[in-house]
Amino acid sequence: MTAKPKPLTVALAPLDNTRLQNLCGALDENLRQIEAAFDVTISRRGPNFRISGELPQARLAAAALQHFYGQADAPLSIDELQLGLIEISRNRSVHPARAVQSAGLLTRKADLHGRTPHQVEYLRQIQEHDITFGVGPAGTGKTYLAVASAIDAFERDQVSRIVLTRPAVEAGERLGFLPGDLAQKVDPYLRPLYDALYDLMGFEKVSRLFEKQNIEIAPLAYMRGRTLNHAFIILDEAQNTTPEQMKMFLTRIGIGARAVVTGDVTQIDLPRGQKSGLIEARRILKDVRGLAFTDFDTSDVVRHPLVARIVDAYEKHGQDPRTPPA
């Protein structure tokens, strides 16, 4: 019979009741977040904490307590808490060299930076290549960081416009007739791109740039025949392109343009038997100079700390939750 690991004890110093209160949160809500992130149990008496669980996880929880205690001069937001937990769980410093990692991205979020090694590599490759592919699971920041890089290039006058596109393919269900004009029909498919824009630039600025046509969002079908010069172009959900659509998109790239292609090959919603343009492009273009591929995995998931564990659990069970049933 295996003995239970001895609980780890942590004493936070110097004692500051305000910091302690901000660390724990209302009804110890922040402690519950740390417990869920590292699969441990935390009990406390004043500034003294007792952490029960597997030793490696308990040590990560202890590091989280010490980190957030140092940051708790004001109440901790849920974003600060969960993003900090993600970084700590990756065994990385929670004070990375952000200026280097983020390449000084000019967005509304001054602290935006790569939070995992693959995200750091992805941002670097976008800076250094005219066409970059980001391939991996949902929640790894592929689209968000691509949009952030596009905004950065626009703000620095490296490009004159931002073009965002994705194939209009339904995710495992048939929505039927959608009322409204063209914009209203395609909006549901493009909503993740809108969300990233609004988060990184603000609603009013994005609206003004739409009016000036400095930002354009369109379904992939409307890209044929165009040549996009001095633009930053993002193709999202590229796993749902056909090989012909992918070739058509890649040949739209004009002078002074950059492109980022994102997708998750486990979320293909094309008709059965139809090849994915993203998979074909990876095979055909692997040796082409000037292109870069970044592969993400579940360790790069930057959504709620439970998401990566949920994905891992499904994969161990042999069924990916993002793949529609046959």
C-alpha atoms as a PDB file:
ATOM      1  CA  MET A   1       0.000   0.000   0.000  1.00  0.00           C
ATOM      2  CA  THR A   2       1.447   3.335  -1.097  1.00  0.00           C
ATOM      3  CA  ALA A   3       1.729   5.921   1.659  1.00  0.00           C
ATOM      4  CA  LYS A   4       0.037   9.236   1.120  1.00  0.00           C
ATOM      5  CA  PRO A   5       2.438  12.078   0.312  1.00  0.00           C
ATOM      6  CA  LYS A   6       3.131  14.311   3.273  1.00  0.00           C
ATOM      7  CA  PRO A   7       1.283  17.644   2.995  1.00  0.00           C
ATOM      8  CA  LEU A   8       3.382  20.629   1.975  1.00  0.00           C
ATOM      9  CA  THR A   9       3.294  23.661   4.248  1.00  0.00           C
ATOM     10  CA  VAL A  10       3.741  27.246   3.077  1.00  0.00           C
ATOM     11  CA  ALA A  11       4.036  30.322   5.282  1.00  0.00           C
ATOM     12  CA  LEU A  12       3.530  33.595   3.424  1.00  0.00           C
ATOM     13  CA  ALA A  13       5.604  36.515   4.665  1.00  0.00           C
ATOM     14  CA  PRO A  14       5.663  39.311   5.521  1.00  0.00           C
ATOM     15  CA  LEU A  15       2.148  39.130   6.903  1.00  0.00           C
ATOM     16  CA  ASP A  16      -0.208  41.546   5.146  1.00  0.00           C
ATOM     17  CA  ASN A  17      -3.893  40.949   5.814  1.00  0.00           C
ATOM     18  CA  THR A  18      -5.005  42.927   2.743  1.00  0.00           C
ATOM     19  CA  ARG A  19      -2.784  40.888   0.442  1.00  0.00           C
ATOM     20  CA  LEU A  20      -3.920  37.709   2.149  1.00  0.00           C
ATOM     21  CA  GLN A  21      -7.556  38.602   1.603  1.00  0.00           C
ATOM     22  CA  ASN A  22      -6.950  39.466  -2.069  1.00  0.00           C
ATOM     23  CA  LEU A  23      -5.008  36.223  -2.542  1.00  0.00           C
ATOM     24  CA  CYS A  24      -7.773  34.032  -1.143  1.00  0.00           C
ATOM     25  CA  GLY A  25     -10.665  35.924  -2.765  1.00  0.00           C
ATOM     26  CA  ALA A  26     -14.268  35.988  -1.637  1.00  0.00           C
ATOM     27  CA  LEU A  27     -15.120  32.769   0.207  1.00  0.00           C
ATOM     28  CA  ASP A  28     -11.636  31.456  -0.748  1.00  0.00           C
ATOM     29  CA  GLU A  29     -12.686  31.371  -4.403  1.00  0.00           C
ATOM     30  CA  ASN A  30      -9.124  31.956  -5.634  1.00  0.00           C
ATOM     31  CA  LEU A  31      -7.843  29.059  -3.541  1.00  0.00           C
ATOM     32  CA  ARG A  32     -10.450  26.824  -5.157  1.00  0.00           C
ATOM     33  CA  GLN A  33      -9.117  27.867  -8.578  1.00  0.00           C
ATOM     34  CA  ILE A  34      -5.587  26.896  -7.548  1.00  0.00           C
ATOM     35  CA  GLU A  35      -6.855  23.571  -6.154  1.00  0.00           C
ATOM     36  CA  ALA A  36      -8.652  22.735  -9.419  1.00  0.00           C
ATOM     37  CA  ALA A  37      -5.680  23.757 -11.572  1.00  0.00           C
ATOM     38  CA  PHE A  38      -3.219  21.479  -9.765  1.00  0.00           C
ATOM     39  CA  ASP A  39      -5.530  18.764  -8.377  1.00  0.00           C
ATOM     40  CA  VAL A  40      -4.619  19.490  -4.743  1.00  0.00           C
ATOM     41  CA  THR A  41      -6.419  20.413  -1.530  1.00  0.00           C
ATOM     42  CA  ILE A  42      -5.501  23.628   0.291  1.00  0.00           C
ATOM     43  CA  SER A  43      -6.328  24.465   3.884  1.00  0.00           C
ATOM     44  CA  ARG A  44      -5.117  27.522   5.743  1.00  0.00           C
ATOM     45  CA  ARG A  45      -4.870  29.217   9.081  1.00  0.00           C
ATOM     46  CA  GLY A  46      -3.897  32.869   8.716  1.00  0.00           C
ATOM     47  CA  PRO A  47      -0.807  33.118   6.485  1.00  0.00           C
ATOM     48  CA  ASN A  48      -0.033  29.399   6.901  1.00  0.00           C
ATOM     49  CA  PHE A  49      -1.183  27.057   4.138  1.00  0.00           C
ATOM     50  CA  ARG A  50      -1.270  23.270   4.040  1.00  0.00           C
ATOM     51  CA  ILE A  51      -1.295  21.666   0.556  1.00  0.00           C
ATOM     52  CA  SER A  52      -2.280  18.003   0.145  1.00  0.00           C
ATOM     53  CA  GLY A  53      -1.704  16.111  -3.097  1.00  0.00           C
ATOM     54  CA  GLU A  54       1.040  14.640  -5.245  1.00  0.00           C
ATOM     55  CA  LEU A  55       4.317  16.363  -4.431  1.00  0.00           C
ATOM     56  CA  PRO A  56       5.030  17.846  -7.901  1.00  0.00           C
ATOM     57  CA  GLN A  57       1.512  19.319  -8.027  1.00  0.00           C
ATOM     58  CA  ALA A  58       1.735  20.545  -4.440  1.00  0.00           C
ATOM     59  CA  ARG A  59       4.966  22.352  -5.259  1.00  0.00           C
ATOM     60  CA  LEU A  60       3.320  24.073  -8.215  1.00  0.00           C
ATOM     61  CA  ALA A  61       0.416  25.107  -5.972  1.00  0.00           C
ATOM     62  CA  ALA A  62       2.906  26.473  -3.439  1.00  0.00           C
ATOM     63  CA  ALA A  63       4.625  28.460  -6.200  1.00  0.00           C
ATOM     64  CA  ALA A  64       1.220  29.806  -7.243  1.00  0.00           C
ATOM     65  CA  LEU A  65       0.396  30.927  -3.684  1.00  0.00           C
ATOM     66  CA  GLN A  66       3.702  32.746  -3.361  1.00  0.00           C
ATOM     67  CA  HIS A  67       3.397  34.347  -6.792  1.00  0.00           C
ATOM     68  CA  PHE A  68      -0.158  35.595  -6.349  1.00  0.00           C
ATOM     69  CA  TYR A  69       0.570  36.802  -2.811  1.00  0.00           C
ATOM     70  CA  GLY A  70       3.238  39.050  -4.307  1.00  0.00           C
ATOM     71  CA  GLN A  71       0.705  40.344  -6.866  1.00  0.00           C
ATOM     72  CA  ALA A  72      -2.180  40.817  -4.410  1.00  0.00           C
ATOM     73  CA  ASP A  73      -1.805  44.496  -3.583  1.00  0.00           C
ATOM     74  CA  ALA A  74      -5.195  44.766  -5.337  1.00  0.00           C
ATOM     75  CA  PRO A  75      -7.948  42.160  -5.851  1.00  0.00           C
ATOM     76  CA  LEU A  76      -6.910  39.543  -8.399  1.00  0.00           C
ATOM     77  CA  SER A  77      -8.988  39.367 -11.572  1.00  0.00           C
ATOM     78  CA  ILE A  78     -10.055  36.005 -12.933  1.00  0.00           C
ATOM     79  CA  ASP A  79      -7.889  36.663 -16.015  1.00  0.00           C
ATOM     80  CA  GLU A  80      -4.779  37.324 -13.914  1.00  0.00           C
ATOM     81  CA  LEU A  81      -5.448  34.215 -11.872  1.00  0.00           C
ATOM     82  CA  GLN A  82      -6.132  31.745 -14.654  1.00  0.00           C
ATOM     83  CA  LEU A  83      -3.420  32.990 -17.020  1.00  0.00           C
ATOM     84  CA  GLY A  84      -0.915  32.931 -14.153  1.00  0.00           C
ATOM     85  CA  LEU A  85      -1.928  29.363 -13.323  1.00  0.00           C
ATOM     86  CA  ILE A  86      -1.374  28.340 -16.940  1.00  0.00           C
ATOM     87  CA  GLU A  87       2.144  29.758 -16.932  1.00  0.00           C
ATOM     88  CA  ILE A  88       3.026  28.167 -13.604  1.00  0.00           C
ATOM     89  CA  SER A  89       1.660  24.799 -14.734  1.00  0.00           C
ATOM     90  CA  ARG A  90       4.032  24.929 -17.714  1.00  0.00           C
ATOM     91  CA  ASN A  91       6.973  25.185 -15.271  1.00  0.00           C
ATOM     92  CA  ARG A  92       7.848  28.574 -16.708  1.00  0.00           C
ATOM     93  CA  SER A  93       8.688  31.824 -14.988  1.00  0.00           C
ATOM     94  CA  VAL A  94       5.642  33.997 -14.468  1.00  0.00           C
ATOM     95  CA  HIS A  95       7.849  36.982 -15.201  1.00  0.00           C
ATOM     96  CA  PRO A  96       9.111  36.179 -18.709  1.00  0.00           C
ATOM     97  CA  ALA A  97      11.085  38.611 -20.816  1.00  0.00           C
ATOM     98  CA  ARG A  98       7.856  39.948 -22.238  1.00  0.00           C
ATOM     99  CA  ALA A  99       9.408  42.602 -24.438  1.00  0.00           C
ATOM    100  CA  VAL A 100      11.336  39.885 -26.262  1.00  0.00           C
ATOM    101  CA  GLN A 101       8.586  37.270 -26.322  1.00  0.00           C
ATOM    102  CA  SER A 102       5.795  39.560 -27.511  1.00  0.00           C
ATOM    103  CA  ALA A 103       8.014  41.550 -29.882  1.00  0.00           C
ATOM    104  CA  GLY A 104       6.395  44.652 -28.367  1.00  0.00           C
ATOM    105  CA  LEU A 105       2.982  43.961 -29.903  1.00  0.00           C
ATOM    106  CA  LEU A 106       1.000  47.192 -30.201  1.00  0.00           C
ATOM    107  CA  THR A 107      -2.476  46.270 -29.012  1.00  0.00           C
ATOM    108  CA  ARG A 108      -4.833  47.465 -26.317  1.00  0.00           C
ATOM    109  CA  LYS A 109      -3.400  44.757 -24.044  1.00  0.00           C
ATOM    110  CA  ALA A 110       0.036  45.982 -23.006  1.00  0.00           C
ATOM    111  CA  ASP A 111       0.951  42.675 -21.312  1.00  0.00           C
ATOM    112  CA  LEU A 112       0.196  40.473 -24.333  1.00  0.00           C
ATOM    113  CA  HIS A 113       2.973  37.934 -24.839  1.00  0.00           C
ATOM    114  CA  GLY A 114       3.562  34.288 -25.615  1.00  0.00           C
ATOM    115  CA  ARG A 115       2.745  32.205 -22.555  1.00  0.00           C
ATOM    116  CA  THR A 116       4.117  28.869 -23.760  1.00  0.00           C
ATOM    117  CA  PRO A 117       7.251  28.003 -25.775  1.00  0.00           C
ATOM    118  CA  HIS A 118       5.141  27.221 -28.853  1.00  0.00           C
ATOM    119  CA  GLN A 119       3.329  30.557 -28.604  1.00  0.00           C
ATOM    120  CA  VAL A 120       6.660  32.384 -28.355  1.00  0.00           C
ATOM    121  CA  GLU A 121       7.917  30.493 -31.430  1.00  0.00           C
ATOM    122  CA  TYR A 122       4.663  31.253 -33.286  1.00  0.00           C
ATOM    123  CA  LEU A 123       4.958  35.011 -32.686  1.00  0.00           C
ATOM    124  CA  ARG A 124       8.586  34.965 -33.778  1.00  0.00           C
ATOM    125  CA  GLN A 125       7.784  33.055 -36.957  1.00  0.00           C
ATOM    126  CA  ILE A 126       4.975  35.465 -37.849  1.00  0.00           C
ATOM    127  CA  GLN A 127       7.473  38.311 -37.519  1.00  0.00           C
ATOM    128  CA  GLU A 128      10.101  36.567 -39.649  1.00  0.00           C
ATOM    129  CA  HIS A 129       8.073  34.870 -42.415  1.00  0.00           C
ATOM    130  CA  ASP A 130       5.644  36.036 -45.080  1.00  0.00           C
ATOM    131  CA  ILE A 131       3.411  32.978 -44.594  1.00  0.00           C
ATOM    132  CA  THR A 132       3.027  31.175 -41.260  1.00  0.00           C
ATOM    133  CA  PHE A 133       0.892  28.156 -40.387  1.00  0.00           C
ATOM    134  CA  GLY A 134      -0.340  27.606 -36.827  1.00  0.00           C
ATOM    135  CA  VAL A 135      -1.748  24.097 -36.346  1.00  0.00           C
ATOM    136  CA  GLY A 136      -3.127  22.640 -33.126  1.00  0.00           C
ATOM    137  CA  PRO A 137      -6.050  22.202 -30.724  1.00  0.00           C
ATOM    138  CA  ALA A 138      -8.663  24.777 -29.815  1.00  0.00           C
ATOM    139  CA  GLY A 139      -7.690  27.204 -27.083  1.00  0.00           C
ATOM    140  CA  THR A 140      -3.980  27.396 -27.902  1.00  0.00           C
ATOM    141  CA  GLY A 141      -4.108  31.032 -29.018  1.00  0.00           C
ATOM    142  CA  LYS A 142      -3.562  30.451 -32.743  1.00  0.00           C
ATOM    143  CA  THR A 143      -6.201  32.890 -33.970  1.00  0.00           C
ATOM    144  CA  TYR A 144      -5.895  35.380 -31.118  1.00  0.00           C
ATOM    145  CA  LEU A 145      -2.135  35.804 -31.499  1.00  0.00           C
ATOM    146  CA  ALA A 146      -2.465  36.003 -35.286  1.00  0.00           C
ATOM    147  CA  VAL A 147      -4.992  38.835 -34.937  1.00  0.00           C
ATOM    148  CA  ALA A 148      -2.716  40.539 -32.386  1.00  0.00           C
ATOM    149  CA  SER A 149       0.185  40.306 -34.850  1.00  0.00           C
ATOM    150  CA  ALA A 150      -2.003  41.745 -37.612  1.00  0.00           C
ATOM    151  CA  ILE A 151      -2.998  44.697 -35.419  1.00  0.00           C
ATOM    152  CA  ASP A 152       0.645  45.238 -34.503  1.00  0.00           C
ATOM    153  CA  ALA A 153       1.692  45.308 -38.177  1.00  0.00           C
ATOM    154  CA  PHE A 154      -1.139  47.736 -38.984  1.00  0.00           C
ATOM    155  CA  GLU A 155      -0.300  50.078 -36.092  1.00  0.00           C
ATOM    156  CA  ARG A 156       3.346  50.161 -37.216  1.00  0.00           C
ATOM    157  CA  ASP A 157       2.286  50.996 -40.810  1.00  0.00           C
ATOM    158  CA  GLN A 158       3.859  47.777 -42.069  1.00  0.00           C
ATOM    159  CA  VAL A 159       0.550  46.963 -43.806  1.00  0.00           C
ATOM    160  CA  SER A 160      -2.318  49.180 -44.925  1.00  0.00           C
ATOM    161  CA  ARG A 161      -5.161  46.822 -44.086  1.00  0.00           C
ATOM    162  CA  ILE A 162      -6.143  43.648 -42.291  1.00  0.00           C
ATOM    163  CA  VAL A 163      -8.095  40.934 -44.101  1.00  0.00           C
ATOM    164  CA  LEU A 164      -9.631  38.103 -42.078  1.00  0.00           C
ATOM    165  CA  THR A 165     -11.290  35.133 -43.719  1.00  0.00           C
ATOM    166  CA  ARG A 166     -12.491  31.619 -43.013  1.00  0.00           C
ATOM    167  CA  PRO A 167     -14.521  28.973 -44.840  1.00  0.00           C
ATOM    168  CA  ALA A 168     -18.239  29.036 -44.073  1.00  0.00           C
ATOM    169  CA  VAL A 169     -18.576  25.424 -42.926  1.00  0.00           C
ATOM    170  CA  GLU A 170     -20.958  24.391 -40.151  1.00  0.00           C
ATOM    171  CA  ALA A 171     -19.434  22.547 -37.199  1.00  0.00           C
ATOM    172  CA  GLY A 172     -21.185  19.184 -37.233  1.00  0.00           C
ATOM    173  CA  GLU A 173     -24.748  20.507 -37.507  1.00  0.00           C
ATOM    174  CA  ARG A 174     -26.940  21.896 -40.252  1.00  0.00           C
ATOM    175  CA  LEU A 175     -28.238  25.377 -39.501  1.00  0.00           C
ATOM    176  CA  GLY A 176     -30.480  25.592 -42.559  1.00  0.00           C
ATOM    177  CA  PHE A 177     -31.648  28.924 -43.960  1.00  0.00           C
ATOM    178  CA  LEU A 178     -30.185  31.998 -42.272  1.00  0.00           C
ATOM    179  CA  PRO A 179     -32.176  35.245 -42.653  1.00  0.00           C
ATOM    180  CA  GLY A 180     -30.694  38.641 -43.498  1.00  0.00           C
ATOM    181  CA  ASP A 181     -28.230  40.093 -45.981  1.00  0.00           C
ATOM    182  CA  LEU A 182     -24.822  38.623 -46.825  1.00  0.00           C
ATOM    183  CA  ALA A 183     -23.078  40.181 -43.826  1.00  0.00           C
ATOM    184  CA  GLN A 184     -25.701  38.809 -41.436  1.00  0.00           C
ATOM    185  CA  LYS A 185     -25.495  35.353 -43.013  1.00  0.00           C
ATOM    186  CA  VAL A 186     -21.719  35.005 -42.667  1.00  0.00           C
ATOM    187  CA  ASP A 187     -21.340  36.787 -39.316  1.00  0.00           C
ATOM    188  CA  PRO A 188     -21.919  33.620 -37.236  1.00  0.00           C
ATOM    189  CA  TYR A 189     -18.980  31.917 -38.961  1.00  0.00           C
ATOM    190  CA  LEU A 190     -16.690  34.927 -38.454  1.00  0.00           C
ATOM    191  CA  ARG A 191     -17.640  35.786 -34.871  1.00  0.00           C
ATOM    192  CA  PRO A 192     -14.375  34.482 -33.287  1.00  0.00           C
ATOM    193  CA  LEU A 193     -12.450  36.956 -35.450  1.00  0.00           C
ATOM    194  CA  TYR A 194     -14.702  39.824 -34.380  1.00  0.00           C
ATOM    195  CA  ASP A 195     -14.240  38.830 -30.751  1.00  0.00           C
ATOM    196  CA  ALA A 196     -10.443  38.968 -31.026  1.00  0.00           C
ATOM    197  CA  LEU A 197     -10.541  42.336 -32.809  1.00  0.00           C
ATOM    198  CA  TYR A 198     -12.846  43.914 -30.231  1.00  0.00           C
ATOM    199  CA  ASP A 199     -10.766  42.565 -27.361  1.00  0.00           C
ATOM    200  CA  LEU A 200      -7.475  43.848 -28.778  1.00  0.00           C
ATOM    201  CA  MET A 201      -8.564  47.172 -30.318  1.00  0.00           C
ATOM    202  CA  GLY A 202     -11.853  48.139 -28.723  1.00  0.00           C
ATOM    203  CA  PHE A 203     -15.296  48.259 -30.330  1.00  0.00           C
ATOM    204  CA  GLU A 204     -15.227  51.907 -31.430  1.00  0.00           C
ATOM    205  CA  LYS A 205     -11.828  51.753 -33.133  1.00  0.00           C
ATOM    206  CA  VAL A 206     -12.681  48.512 -34.911  1.00  0.00           C
ATOM    207  CA  SER A 207     -15.959  50.033 -36.126  1.00  0.00           C
ATOM    208  CA  ARG A 208     -14.122  53.074 -37.527  1.00  0.00           C
ATOM    209  CA  LEU A 209     -11.591  50.877 -39.330  1.00  0.00           C
ATOM    210  CA  PHE A 210     -14.380  48.781 -40.824  1.00  0.00           C
ATOM    211  CA  GLU A 211     -15.987  51.959 -42.153  1.00  0.00           C
ATOM    212  CA  LYS A 212     -12.675  53.019 -43.727  1.00  0.00           C
ATOM    213  CA  GLN A 213     -12.209  49.475 -45.086  1.00  0.00           C
ATOM    214  CA  ASN A 214      -8.890  49.156 -43.252  1.00  0.00           C
ATOM    215  CA  ILE A 215     -10.298  45.941 -41.791  1.00  0.00           C
ATOM    216  CA  GLU A 216     -12.189  43.481 -43.925  1.00  0.00           C
ATOM    217  CA  ILE A 217     -13.804  40.204 -42.898  1.00  0.00           C
ATOM    218  CA  ALA A 218     -15.100  37.946 -45.639  1.00  0.00           C
ATOM    219  CA  PRO A 219     -15.913  34.293 -46.318  1.00  0.00           C
ATOM    220  CA  LEU A 220     -13.186  32.447 -48.200  1.00  0.00           C
ATOM    221  CA  ALA A 221     -15.393  32.001 -51.282  1.00  0.00           C
ATOM    222  CA  TYR A 222     -15.137  35.743 -51.967  1.00  0.00           C
ATOM    223  CA  MET A 223     -11.323  35.732 -52.136  1.00  0.00           C
ATOM    224  CA  ARG A 224     -11.069  34.220 -55.626  1.00  0.00           C
ATOM    225  CA  GLY A 225      -9.641  36.543 -58.257  1.00  0.00           C
ATOM    226  CA  ARG A 226      -8.207  39.028 -55.770  1.00  0.00           C
ATOM    227  CA  THR A 227      -4.579  40.057 -55.186  1.00  0.00           C
ATOM    228  CA  LEU A 228      -3.977  41.454 -51.713  1.00  0.00           C
ATOM    229  CA  ASN A 229      -1.057  43.887 -51.597  1.00  0.00           C
ATOM    230  CA  HIS A 230       0.286  45.459 -48.387  1.00  0.00           C
ATOM    231  CA  ALA A 231      -2.199  43.495 -46.301  1.00  0.00           C
ATOM    232  CA  PHE A 232      -2.025  41.198 -43.291  1.00  0.00           C
ATOM    233  CA  ILE A 233      -4.261  38.252 -44.150  1.00  0.00           C
ATOM    234  CA  ILE A 234      -5.465  35.581 -41.731  1.00  0.00           C
ATOM    235  CA  LEU A 235      -7.182  32.380 -42.831  1.00  0.00           C
ATOM    236  CA  ASP A 236      -8.882  30.873 -39.791  1.00  0.00           C
ATOM    237  CA  GLU A 237     -10.351  27.349 -39.477  1.00  0.00           C
ATOM    238  CA  ALA A 238      -8.194  26.308 -42.426  1.00  0.00           C
ATOM    239  CA  GLN A 239      -8.801  22.609 -41.750  1.00  0.00           C
ATOM    240  CA  ASN A 240     -12.200  23.154 -43.411  1.00  0.00           C
ATOM    241  CA  THR A 241     -10.738  24.326 -46.719  1.00  0.00           C
ATOM    242  CA  THR A 242     -10.477  22.005 -49.681  1.00  0.00           C
ATOM    243  CA  PRO A 243      -7.046  21.645 -51.348  1.00  0.00           C
ATOM    244  CA  GLU A 244      -8.314  23.839 -54.191  1.00  0.00           C
ATOM    245  CA  GLN A 245      -9.445  26.558 -51.766  1.00  0.00           C
ATOM    246  CA  MET A 246      -6.132  26.483 -49.913  1.00  0.00           C
ATOM    247  CA  LYS A 247      -4.172  26.869 -53.154  1.00  0.00           C
ATOM    248  CA  MET A 248      -6.481  29.706 -54.186  1.00  0.00           C
ATOM    249  CA  PHE A 249      -5.955  31.489 -50.857  1.00  0.00           C
ATOM    250  CA  LEU A 250      -2.170  31.140 -50.815  1.00  0.00           C
ATOM    251  CA  THR A 251      -1.942  32.565 -54.318  1.00  0.00           C
ATOM    252  CA  ARG A 252      -3.858  35.708 -53.274  1.00  0.00           C
ATOM    253  CA  ILE A 253      -0.764  36.972 -51.425  1.00  0.00           C
ATOM    254  CA  GLY A 254       0.516  40.162 -53.046  1.00  0.00           C
ATOM    255  CA  ILE A 255       3.445  42.534 -52.694  1.00  0.00           C
ATOM    256  CA  GLY A 256       4.192  43.614 -49.117  1.00  0.00           C
ATOM    257  CA  ALA A 257       1.647  41.177 -47.701  1.00  0.00           C
ATOM    258  CA  ARG A 258       1.883  38.675 -44.865  1.00  0.00           C
ATOM    259  CA  ALA A 259      -0.420  35.746 -44.198  1.00  0.00           C
ATOM    260  CA  VAL A 260      -1.167  33.487 -41.244  1.00  0.00           C
ATOM    261  CA  VAL A 261      -3.099  30.239 -41.665  1.00  0.00           C
ATOM    262  CA  THR A 262      -4.603  28.646 -38.546  1.00  0.00           C
ATOM    263  CA  GLY A 263      -6.430  25.386 -38.052  1.00  0.00           C
ATOM    264  CA  ASP A 264      -7.020  22.237 -36.043  1.00  0.00           C
ATOM    265  CA  VAL A 265      -6.879  18.999 -38.018  1.00  0.00           C
ATOM    266  CA  THR A 266      -8.979  17.217 -35.358  1.00  0.00           C
ATOM    267  CA  GLN A 267     -11.939  19.518 -36.079  1.00  0.00           C
ATOM    268  CA  ILE A 268     -12.537  18.877 -39.766  1.00  0.00           C
ATOM    269  CA  ASP A 269     -16.189  19.511 -40.673  1.00  0.00           C
ATOM    270  CA  LEU A 270     -15.894  18.810 -44.391  1.00  0.00           C
ATOM    271  CA  PRO A 271     -18.122  16.157 -46.001  1.00  0.00           C
ATOM    272  CA  ARG A 272     -16.936  12.595 -45.470  1.00  0.00           C
ATOM    273  CA  GLY A 273     -14.197  11.692 -47.953  1.00  0.00           C
ATOM    274  CA  GLN A 274     -13.252  15.298 -48.728  1.00  0.00           C
ATOM    275  CA  LYS A 275      -9.547  16.049 -48.218  1.00  0.00           C
ATOM    276  CA  SER A 276      -8.555  18.934 -45.967  1.00  0.00           C
ATOM    277  CA  GLY A 277      -6.595  21.702 -47.648  1.00  0.00           C
ATOM    278  CA  LEU A 278      -4.620  22.275 -44.461  1.00  0.00           C
ATOM    279  CA  ILE A 279      -3.372  18.683 -44.314  1.00  0.00           C
ATOM    280  CA  GLU A 280      -2.538  18.746 -48.020  1.00  0.00           C
ATOM    281  CA  ALA A 281      -0.699  22.075 -47.683  1.00  0.00           C
ATOM    282  CA  ARG A 282       1.408  20.699 -44.840  1.00  0.00           C
ATOM    283  CA  ARG A 283       2.459  17.763 -47.006  1.00  0.00           C
ATOM    284  CA  ILE A 284       3.075  19.753 -50.197  1.00  0.00           C
ATOM    285  CA  LEU A 285       4.730  22.851 -48.721  1.00  0.00           C
ATOM    286  CA  LYS A 286       6.878  21.320 -45.983  1.00  0.00           C
ATOM    287  CA  ASP A 287      10.133  22.014 -47.877  1.00  0.00           C
ATOM    288  CA  VAL A 288       9.227  25.429 -49.337  1.00  0.00           C
ATOM    289  CA  ARG A 289      11.499  28.186 -48.049  1.00  0.00           C
ATOM    290  CA  GLY A 290       9.851  31.308 -46.665  1.00  0.00           C
ATOM    291  CA  LEU A 291       7.047  29.355 -44.976  1.00  0.00           C
ATOM    292  CA  ALA A 292       6.924  28.422 -41.300  1.00  0.00           C
ATOM    293  CA  PHE A 293       4.847  25.865 -39.402  1.00  0.00           C
ATOM    294  CA  THR A 294       4.157  25.994 -35.660  1.00  0.00           C
ATOM    295  CA  ASP A 295       2.576  22.916 -34.076  1.00  0.00           C
ATOM    296  CA  PHE A 296       0.612  23.401 -30.860  1.00  0.00           C
ATOM    297  CA  ASP A 297      -0.565  20.703 -28.453  1.00  0.00           C
ATOM    298  CA  THR A 298      -2.662  20.500 -25.291  1.00  0.00           C
ATOM    299  CA  SER A 299       0.181  21.928 -23.209  1.00  0.00           C
ATOM    300  CA  ASP A 300      -0.421  25.223 -25.044  1.00  0.00           C
ATOM    301  CA  VAL A 301      -4.111  25.540 -24.149  1.00  0.00           C
ATOM    302  CA  VAL A 302      -4.620  28.953 -22.553  1.00  0.00           C
ATOM    303  CA  ARG A 303      -8.311  28.777 -21.767  1.00  0.00           C
ATOM    304  CA  HIS A 304      -9.645  27.765 -18.373  1.00  0.00           C
ATOM    305  CA  PRO A 305      -7.018  25.554 -16.646  1.00  0.00           C
ATOM    306  CA  LEU A 306      -9.445  22.616 -16.736  1.00  0.00           C
ATOM    307  CA  VAL A 307      -9.700  22.667 -20.548  1.00  0.00           C
ATOM    308  CA  ALA A 308      -6.310  21.032 -21.167  1.00  0.00           C
ATOM    309  CA  ARG A 309      -7.119  18.319 -18.625  1.00  0.00           C
ATOM    310  CA  ILE A 310     -10.518  17.696 -20.239  1.00  0.00           C
ATOM    311  CA  VAL A 311      -8.918  17.372 -23.689  1.00  0.00           C
ATOM    312  CA  ASP A 312      -6.244  15.032 -22.305  1.00  0.00           C
ATOM    313  CA  ALA A 313      -8.896  12.879 -20.606  1.00  0.00           C
ATOM    314  CA  TYR A 314     -10.863  12.496 -23.843  1.00  0.00           C
ATOM    315  CA  GLU A 315      -7.716  11.672 -25.808  1.00  0.00           C
ATOM    316  CA  LYS A 316      -6.753   9.009 -23.261  1.00  0.00           C
ATOM    317  CA  HIS A 317     -10.236   7.583 -23.564  1.00  0.00           C
ATOM    318  CA  GLY A 318      -9.747   7.388 -27.318  1.00  0.00           C
ATOM    319  CA  GLN A 319     -12.343   9.918 -28.423  1.00  0.00           C
ATOM    320  CA  ASP A 320     -11.573  13.547 -29.211  1.00  0.00           C
ATOM    321  CA  PRO A 321     -14.433  15.819 -27.993  1.00  0.00           C
ATOM    322  CA  ARG A 322     -13.861  18.199 -30.908  1.00  0.00           C
ATOM    323  CA  THR A 323     -14.534  15.571 -33.568  1.00  0.00           C
ATOM    324  CA  PRO A 324     -18.198  15.165 -34.550  1.00  0.00           C
ATOM    325  CA  PRO A 325     -19.556  11.621 -34.180  1.00  0.00           C
ATOM    326  CA  ALA A 326     -19.741   9.524 -37.333  1.00  0.00           C
END
